[in-house]
Protein backbone atom coordinates (compact mmCIF):
# COMPACT_ATOMS: atom_id res chain seq x y z
CA MET A 1 194.31 119.83 94.02
CA SER A 2 196.34 116.93 93.00
CA GLN A 3 195.76 114.60 90.00
CA SER A 4 194.83 111.61 92.65
CA HIS A 5 192.30 113.96 95.10
CA ASN A 6 190.40 115.49 91.59
CA ARG A 7 190.36 111.52 90.78
CA TYR A 8 188.43 110.80 93.91
CA LEU A 9 186.47 113.71 94.21
CA ILE A 10 184.79 113.24 90.37
CA ILE A 11 183.94 109.35 91.90
CA VAL A 12 181.94 111.15 94.76
CA ILE A 13 180.25 113.27 92.72
CA LEU A 14 179.73 110.33 90.19
CA GLY A 15 178.54 108.21 93.02
CA ALA A 16 176.29 111.32 94.83
CA LEU A 17 174.49 111.72 91.54
CA SER A 18 173.64 108.17 90.80
CA THR A 19 172.28 107.79 94.72
CA ILE A 20 169.29 110.09 93.19
CA SER A 21 167.01 107.45 91.86
CA PRO A 22 168.00 104.84 94.75
CA PHE A 23 166.99 107.55 97.09
CA ALA A 24 164.04 108.07 95.30
CA ILE A 25 163.32 104.30 95.65
CA ASP A 26 164.22 103.44 99.03
CA MET A 27 163.53 106.33 101.07
CA TYR A 28 159.98 106.70 100.86
CA LEU A 29 159.56 102.54 101.11
CA PRO A 30 158.78 102.90 104.78
CA ALA A 31 156.28 105.31 103.82
CA PHE A 32 154.02 102.12 101.88
CA PRO A 33 151.75 102.40 105.19
CA GLU A 34 151.01 105.75 105.83
CA MET A 35 150.56 107.07 102.06
CA ALA A 36 148.26 103.60 101.28
CA SER A 37 145.83 105.13 104.35
CA ALA A 38 146.22 108.99 103.29
CA LEU A 39 145.30 107.77 99.48
CA HIS A 40 142.55 105.17 100.34
CA THR A 41 144.49 101.94 98.72
CA SER A 42 146.79 99.22 99.45
CA THR A 43 150.38 99.08 100.19
CA ALA A 44 150.50 96.72 96.92
CA ARG A 45 148.71 99.23 94.66
CA ILE A 46 151.08 101.86 96.28
CA SER A 47 153.75 99.66 94.91
CA LEU A 48 152.61 100.54 91.46
CA SER A 49 153.91 104.16 91.64
CA LEU A 50 157.91 102.50 92.43
CA SER A 51 157.08 100.68 88.81
CA SER A 52 156.20 103.78 87.21
CA TYR A 53 159.33 105.04 88.74
CA PHE A 54 161.02 102.35 87.07
CA ALA A 55 159.30 102.81 83.60
CA GLY A 56 160.40 106.61 83.58
CA LEU A 57 163.75 105.47 84.12
CA ALA A 58 163.48 103.35 81.32
CA ALA A 59 162.46 105.89 78.76
CA GLY A 60 164.63 108.76 79.91
CA GLN A 61 167.53 106.68 79.19
CA LEU A 62 166.65 107.21 75.34
CA CYS A 63 166.31 110.42 75.74
CA TYR A 64 168.90 111.29 77.51
CA GLY A 65 171.87 109.27 75.35
CA PRO A 66 171.61 111.51 72.23
CA LEU A 67 171.41 114.78 74.36
CA LEU A 68 174.36 114.01 76.56
CA ASP A 69 176.43 113.08 73.33
CA ARG A 70 175.38 115.96 71.60
CA PHE A 71 174.97 118.96 74.05
CA GLY A 72 177.76 117.45 76.39
CA ARG A 73 177.01 116.25 79.57
CA LYS A 74 176.20 119.14 82.26
CA LEU A 75 173.63 120.98 80.28
CA PRO A 76 171.13 118.03 79.88
CA LEU A 77 172.33 117.14 83.53
CA TYR A 78 170.87 120.13 84.75
CA ALA A 79 167.66 120.20 82.97
CA GLY A 80 166.57 116.68 84.23
CA LEU A 81 167.59 117.27 87.95
CA THR A 82 165.50 120.48 87.62
CA LEU A 83 162.55 118.18 86.23
CA PHE A 84 163.35 116.10 89.21
CA ILE A 85 162.65 118.89 91.76
CA ALA A 86 159.57 120.07 90.17
CA ALA A 87 157.60 116.64 90.19
CA SER A 88 158.89 115.84 93.81
CA MET A 89 156.82 119.21 94.65
CA ALA A 90 153.94 118.33 92.50
CA CYS A 91 154.13 114.35 94.53
CA LEU A 92 153.00 116.84 97.60
CA CYS A 93 150.02 117.31 95.94
CA ALA A 94 149.08 113.81 95.04
CA ARG A 95 145.48 112.91 95.83
CA SER A 96 144.89 109.56 94.78
CA VAL A 97 147.34 106.66 94.15
CA GLU A 98 146.84 107.27 90.22
CA TRP A 99 147.85 110.80 90.20
CA LEU A 100 151.14 109.37 92.54
CA VAL A 101 151.55 106.90 90.06
CA ALA A 102 152.07 109.30 87.31
CA LEU A 103 154.27 111.89 88.98
CA ARG A 104 156.27 109.29 89.61
CA PHE A 105 156.73 108.62 86.28
CA VAL A 106 157.55 112.43 85.26
CA GLN A 107 160.03 112.20 88.32
CA ALA A 108 162.30 109.72 87.46
CA LEU A 109 162.55 110.93 83.75
CA GLY A 110 164.33 113.79 85.50
CA GLY A 111 166.53 111.67 87.72
CA CYS A 112 167.45 109.05 85.10
CA ALA A 113 169.78 112.06 83.52
CA ALA A 114 171.74 112.01 86.41
CA GLN A 115 172.36 108.05 86.40
CA VAL A 116 172.87 108.23 82.82
CA ALA A 117 175.31 110.86 82.77
CA ALA A 118 177.27 109.58 85.59
CA MET A 119 177.80 106.03 83.75
CA ALA A 120 178.85 107.98 80.64
CA MET A 121 181.33 109.75 82.60
CA VAL A 122 183.13 106.98 83.86
CA ARG A 123 184.45 106.44 80.44
CA ASP A 124 184.80 110.13 79.85
CA PHE A 125 187.45 110.54 82.42
CA PHE A 126 188.79 106.70 83.18
CA PRO A 127 190.05 104.47 80.97
CA ALA A 128 188.03 101.46 79.61
CA ARG A 129 190.39 99.07 81.42
CA GLU A 130 189.55 100.27 85.06
CA THR A 131 185.66 100.66 83.78
CA ALA A 132 184.61 97.20 86.40
CA LYS A 133 186.25 98.87 89.39
CA ILE A 134 185.25 102.41 88.96
CA ILE A 135 181.57 101.23 88.68
CA SER A 136 182.22 99.47 91.84
CA LEU A 137 184.05 102.27 93.40
CA LEU A 138 180.75 104.08 92.45
CA ILE A 139 178.45 101.24 94.23
CA LEU A 140 180.20 101.98 97.30
CA VAL A 141 178.62 105.40 97.42
CA ILE A 142 175.22 104.22 95.93
CA SER A 143 175.75 101.86 98.60
CA ALA A 144 174.93 104.82 100.83
CA SER A 145 171.52 104.67 99.60
CA PRO A 146 169.88 101.15 101.28
CA LEU A 147 171.69 102.11 104.55
CA LEU A 148 170.42 105.48 105.25
CA ALA A 149 167.47 105.88 102.73
CA PRO A 150 165.20 103.46 104.67
CA SER A 151 166.07 105.11 108.09
CA VAL A 152 165.95 108.54 107.15
CA GLY A 153 162.20 107.86 105.49
CA VAL A 154 161.05 106.01 108.46
CA TYR A 155 162.10 109.31 110.80
CA VAL A 156 160.92 111.97 108.50
CA SER A 157 157.08 109.72 107.85
CA VAL A 158 157.09 109.02 110.96
CA HIS A 159 157.69 112.89 112.81
CA LEU A 160 156.89 114.89 109.82
CA GLY A 161 154.32 112.91 107.47
CA TRP A 162 155.14 111.34 103.73
CA GLN A 163 154.85 114.51 101.93
CA TRP A 164 158.17 115.84 103.78
CA VAL A 165 160.04 112.78 101.79
CA PHE A 166 159.69 114.35 98.60
CA ILE A 167 160.59 117.70 99.99
CA VAL A 168 163.72 116.30 101.46
CA LEU A 169 164.41 114.06 98.18
CA SER A 170 164.41 117.81 96.44
CA ALA A 171 166.69 119.39 98.93
CA PHE A 172 169.15 117.05 97.96
CA VAL A 173 168.98 117.19 94.14
CA VAL A 174 169.40 121.38 94.83
CA LEU A 175 172.45 120.44 96.35
CA MET A 176 173.72 118.06 93.67
CA LEU A 177 172.48 120.57 91.37
CA ALA A 178 174.58 122.94 92.80
CA VAL A 179 177.94 121.11 92.76
CA SER A 180 177.69 119.57 89.31
CA ALA A 181 177.48 123.56 88.24
CA TRP A 182 180.35 124.35 90.30
CA VAL A 183 182.81 121.68 90.78
CA LEU A 184 182.19 118.70 88.33
CA PRO A 185 184.18 119.03 85.40
CA GLU A 186 182.61 118.79 81.81
CA GLY A 187 183.23 115.24 80.89
CA HIS A 188 182.58 115.77 77.02
CA ALA A 189 183.18 118.33 74.80
CA PRO A 190 179.15 119.01 72.72
CA ASP A 191 179.80 116.89 69.57
CA ARG A 192 177.05 118.96 66.81
CA SER A 193 177.35 115.78 64.50
CA ILE A 194 175.40 113.92 66.26
CA SER A 195 172.17 114.46 65.19
CA LEU A 196 169.25 114.52 67.20
CA ARG A 197 166.69 113.76 65.00
CA PRO A 198 164.73 110.51 65.14
CA LEU A 199 165.91 108.58 62.17
CA PRO A 200 169.54 108.83 62.97
CA ILE A 201 168.94 108.22 66.86
CA LEU A 202 167.19 105.01 65.77
CA ARG A 203 169.50 104.22 64.08
CA ASN A 204 172.81 104.49 66.18
CA TYR A 205 170.52 102.62 68.65
CA VAL A 206 170.23 99.80 66.93
CA ALA A 207 173.85 99.86 66.02
CA VAL A 208 174.43 99.36 69.68
CA LEU A 209 172.06 96.54 69.78
CA LYS A 210 174.33 94.59 66.85
CA GLU A 211 177.02 94.62 68.81
CA PRO A 212 176.70 90.80 70.36
CA GLN A 213 178.96 91.47 73.26
CA PHE A 214 176.48 94.51 74.25
CA ILE A 215 172.97 93.07 73.70
CA THR A 216 174.25 89.38 75.77
CA TYR A 217 175.99 91.39 78.89
CA SER A 218 173.56 94.21 79.16
CA LEU A 219 170.09 91.83 78.69
CA SER A 220 171.53 89.11 80.92
CA GLY A 221 172.77 91.62 83.49
CA ALA A 222 169.77 93.35 82.77
CA PHE A 223 167.87 90.30 83.85
CA ALA A 224 170.31 89.31 86.89
CA PHE A 225 169.85 93.10 88.21
CA SER A 226 166.05 92.80 87.86
CA GLY A 227 166.15 90.74 90.99
CA LEU A 228 167.37 93.20 93.09
CA LEU A 229 164.96 95.73 92.16
CA VAL A 230 162.09 93.13 92.60
CA TYR A 231 162.99 92.84 95.85
CA VAL A 232 163.45 96.24 96.55
CA ALA A 233 159.31 96.79 95.08
CA SER A 234 158.49 93.89 97.62
CA SER A 235 160.18 94.78 100.42
CA PRO A 236 157.32 96.33 102.18
CA ILE A 237 154.73 93.72 101.41
CA VAL A 238 157.38 90.67 102.44
CA PHE A 239 158.47 92.10 105.85
CA MET A 240 155.63 94.67 107.19
CA GLU A 241 152.53 92.11 105.70
CA VAL A 242 154.10 88.94 105.32
CA PHE A 243 156.21 88.49 108.50
CA HIS A 244 154.77 91.87 110.69
CA VAL A 245 157.92 93.85 111.09
CA SER A 246 157.37 97.08 112.00
CA ALA A 247 158.64 100.30 110.07
CA GLN A 248 161.77 100.84 112.23
CA GLN A 249 162.70 96.56 111.87
CA PHE A 250 161.81 96.97 108.26
CA GLY A 251 164.38 99.91 108.05
CA ALA A 252 167.32 97.86 110.10
CA ILE A 253 166.83 94.71 107.97
CA PHE A 254 166.78 96.79 104.83
CA ALA A 255 170.19 98.08 105.90
CA GLY A 256 171.59 94.53 107.03
CA LEU A 257 170.79 93.23 103.38
CA SER A 258 172.24 95.56 102.00
CA VAL A 259 175.56 94.95 103.49
CA GLY A 260 176.04 91.90 101.24
CA PHE A 261 175.42 94.18 98.33
CA ILE A 262 178.06 96.47 98.95
CA GLY A 263 180.46 94.33 100.74
CA SER A 264 180.80 91.92 97.28
CA ASN A 265 180.97 95.23 95.54
CA GLN A 266 184.26 95.92 97.02
CA VAL A 267 184.89 92.46 97.49
CA ASN A 268 184.80 92.53 93.40
CA VAL A 269 187.44 95.43 93.04
CA PHE A 270 189.83 92.34 95.27
CA LEU A 271 188.67 89.88 92.73
CA LEU A 272 189.15 91.72 89.52
CA ARG A 273 192.83 91.40 90.15
CA LYS A 274 192.54 87.77 89.55
CA PHE A 275 189.54 87.09 87.81
CA SER A 276 188.23 88.77 84.54
CA SER A 277 184.97 90.55 84.75
CA GLU A 278 183.82 87.67 82.20
CA GLN A 279 184.70 85.11 84.94
CA ILE A 280 183.25 86.74 88.00
CA PHE A 281 179.97 87.38 86.01
CA LEU A 282 179.22 83.66 85.10
CA GLY A 283 180.18 82.73 88.62
CA THR A 284 177.82 84.98 90.32
CA MET A 285 174.90 83.95 87.81
CA PHE A 286 175.46 80.15 89.05
CA VAL A 287 175.24 81.32 92.59
CA VAL A 288 171.88 83.42 92.04
CA CYS A 289 170.06 80.94 90.27
CA PRO A 290 170.16 77.87 92.57
CA VAL A 291 169.33 80.44 95.35
CA ALA A 292 166.29 82.04 93.68
CA LEU A 293 165.29 78.40 92.85
CA TRP A 294 165.74 76.91 96.50
CA LEU A 295 163.94 80.11 97.89
CA LEU A 296 160.99 79.46 95.41
CA VAL A 297 160.67 76.09 96.41
CA GLY A 298 161.13 76.82 99.89
CA THR A 299 157.83 79.37 99.84
CA ILE A 300 155.80 76.65 98.09
CA CYS A 301 156.07 74.20 100.29
CA GLY A 302 156.34 76.67 103.64
CA TRP A 303 159.70 75.76 104.95
CA PHE A 304 160.98 79.55 105.31
CA GLY A 305 160.22 81.30 108.18
CA LEU A 306 161.83 85.07 108.32
CA PRO A 307 165.40 84.24 109.19
CA ALA A 308 165.76 81.76 106.33
CA THR A 309 164.58 84.29 104.03
CA LEU A 310 166.87 86.64 105.19
CA VAL A 311 169.90 84.48 105.20
CA LEU A 312 168.51 83.22 101.40
CA LEU A 313 168.12 86.79 100.32
CA PHE A 314 171.57 87.76 101.71
CA ILE A 315 173.17 85.43 99.76
CA ALA A 316 171.56 86.61 96.39
CA LEU A 317 172.43 89.96 96.79
CA SER A 318 175.54 89.96 97.67
CA ALA A 319 176.08 87.47 94.29
CA LEU A 320 174.24 90.56 92.66
CA GLY A 321 176.63 92.81 93.62
CA LEU A 322 179.40 90.84 91.97
CA ALA A 323 177.21 90.71 88.76
CA PHE A 324 175.82 94.10 88.19
CA PRO A 325 179.20 95.91 87.60
CA ASN A 326 181.18 93.56 85.64
CA ALA A 327 177.79 92.81 83.33
CA ALA A 328 178.10 97.06 82.63
CA ALA A 329 181.67 96.75 82.02
CA LEU A 330 181.19 94.13 79.39
CA ALA A 331 178.55 95.60 77.93
CA LEU A 332 180.22 99.08 77.42
CA VAL A 333 183.90 98.27 76.68
CA PRO A 334 183.07 97.50 72.94
CA PHE A 335 182.05 101.47 72.38
CA ASP A 336 184.06 104.63 72.45
CA HIS A 337 182.53 107.26 70.27
CA ASN A 338 178.66 107.76 71.14
CA ILE A 339 179.13 106.18 74.86
CA GLY A 340 176.65 108.44 76.30
CA SER A 341 174.03 106.22 73.93
CA ALA A 342 175.20 102.74 74.53
CA ALA A 343 175.12 103.81 78.59
CA ALA A 344 171.43 104.86 77.79
CA MET A 345 170.44 101.56 75.76
CA MET A 346 172.26 99.68 78.76
CA GLY A 347 170.13 101.20 81.34
CA PHE A 348 166.86 101.42 79.36
CA LEU A 349 167.42 97.50 79.03
CA GLN A 350 168.20 96.87 82.53
CA ILE A 351 165.49 99.44 83.85
CA GLY A 352 162.99 98.25 81.59
CA VAL A 353 163.18 94.48 82.38
CA SER A 354 163.10 95.64 85.92
CA GLY A 355 160.49 97.89 85.88
CA LEU A 356 157.84 95.06 84.26
CA ALA A 357 159.06 92.55 86.45
CA SER A 358 158.75 94.56 89.60
CA ALA A 359 155.41 95.75 88.16
CA SER A 360 154.04 92.55 88.93
CA ILE A 361 154.32 92.16 92.15
CA GLY A 362 152.01 95.39 92.28
CA ILE A 363 149.74 93.59 89.90
CA PHE A 364 149.13 90.35 91.70
CA ASP A 365 148.00 92.45 95.21
CA SER A 366 149.22 89.55 96.40
CA HIS A 367 150.27 89.38 100.26
CA SER A 368 152.20 86.41 100.10
CA MET A 369 156.03 85.66 99.28
CA MET A 370 154.89 83.63 95.97
CA PRO A 371 154.98 86.46 93.46
CA VAL A 372 158.13 87.44 94.97
CA ALA A 373 159.71 84.31 95.03
CA LEU A 374 158.27 83.21 91.54
CA VAL A 375 159.75 86.21 89.82
CA LEU A 376 163.45 85.99 91.30
CA ALA A 377 163.55 82.46 90.09
CA ALA A 378 162.27 83.30 86.67
CA THR A 379 164.54 86.46 86.12
CA SER A 380 167.81 85.13 87.65
CA TRP A 381 167.03 81.40 85.37
CA ILE A 382 166.35 83.90 82.31
CA GLY A 383 169.46 85.88 82.70
CA LEU A 384 171.65 82.43 82.84
CA GLY A 385 170.33 80.97 79.35
CA ILE A 386 170.42 84.81 77.75
CA LEU A 387 174.12 84.47 78.97
CA ILE A 388 175.14 80.52 77.61
CA VAL A 389 173.46 81.57 74.17
CA GLY A 390 174.60 84.75 73.74
CA LYS A 391 178.43 84.10 74.41
CA ARG A 392 178.17 81.47 71.30
CA ARG A 393 176.93 84.63 69.10
CA ILE A 394 180.08 86.71 70.50
CA PRO A 395 183.16 86.32 67.70
CA ALA A 396 185.68 87.63 69.96
CA LEU A 397 185.40 89.03 73.55
CA LYS A 398 186.30 92.35 73.89
CA PHE A 399 187.81 92.46 77.67
CA VAL A 400 187.80 95.21 79.87
CA GLU A 401 191.56 95.34 80.02
CA GLU A 402 191.57 96.38 76.26
CA LYS A 403 192.21 100.12 75.32
CA ASP A 404 191.08 99.59 71.57
CA CYS A 405 187.53 100.24 71.20
CA HIS A 406 185.15 100.28 67.83
CA PRO A 407 183.44 103.94 67.51
CA LEU A 408 179.54 103.56 66.30
CA ALA A 409 178.74 104.93 63.47
CA HIS A 410 176.07 108.31 63.42
């Protein structure tokens, strides 16, 4: 197989690994009403299982970072995928929303291994100057999940029952486990010098957080990215309860809005030929913030029906599709050694902020658009504020195109 074919095969595999958690999130969204009925609770309470998944993703990031550096990429990946399969099958036996919330947390602990490993292997297999472009290509693969997962979820839950959603997820991860074992090369040799003792691990994460460029772009990107996950967590409530669309219509709307996120990610590949990641990220924040504020004002005043809401969400999601890969690239480029730990900390911040933001939707237990619009506006403007203030603390911005990076001590 040619080097070019190897390159694209690795991108497809890394992208597919990265879809595990998006599929676990998106696929069961259309089944919320059925699950709520089966577990004798509300759809807002069921959405807490989505928030617990985000919490598991955040917690797992910090565990897998040192493991991926110490043992290589594949062994921790195998362990995580196996845990995901076991937790998915246990979800079939959930008889209360509390058990479902707990099991989804465990499921996320396993699934996040794929996400952290895939992000770390971007830097293993590709030069730093290509990071933003490769992440955009990965997101092209990841973006299949919002298009396919709700549609598959509708079919499976309607014809087979909501439990079969977790069976299908398990089968997909079994396939990815086999592909990872037999096709994907090892991206990073085990480094026995990486300590797994708590104090050295903590020092390493502190060193990551002390990098001004990392903390600025990872945290600003985390607040921006949380807008996407708030939309995902609240979409069943917004569309099926506020606007009273059917499960089939919900799947079509969810897929249609995803086109904006997918398309802007691929536009990013072309924009990077003329603009820097810094310019693109700043520009997208100046688009998302006023759109989110306008959505909040319109919701308070009762101006918007379903068409106007869809237009504003489409614009916001399209801008976020440009923001995510560039923020991630700018956050990771200062590091070379211990890239697994840096990628894990970035994921922890992204998912941690997103989990707290999305949890507020379930806590409010509201059947209106107000909590969604309020949280989306708040996270967008906080992200912009962090970016503006944080840029002043960066002595010399390290650009994605630079090859020389500063290793972390360990």
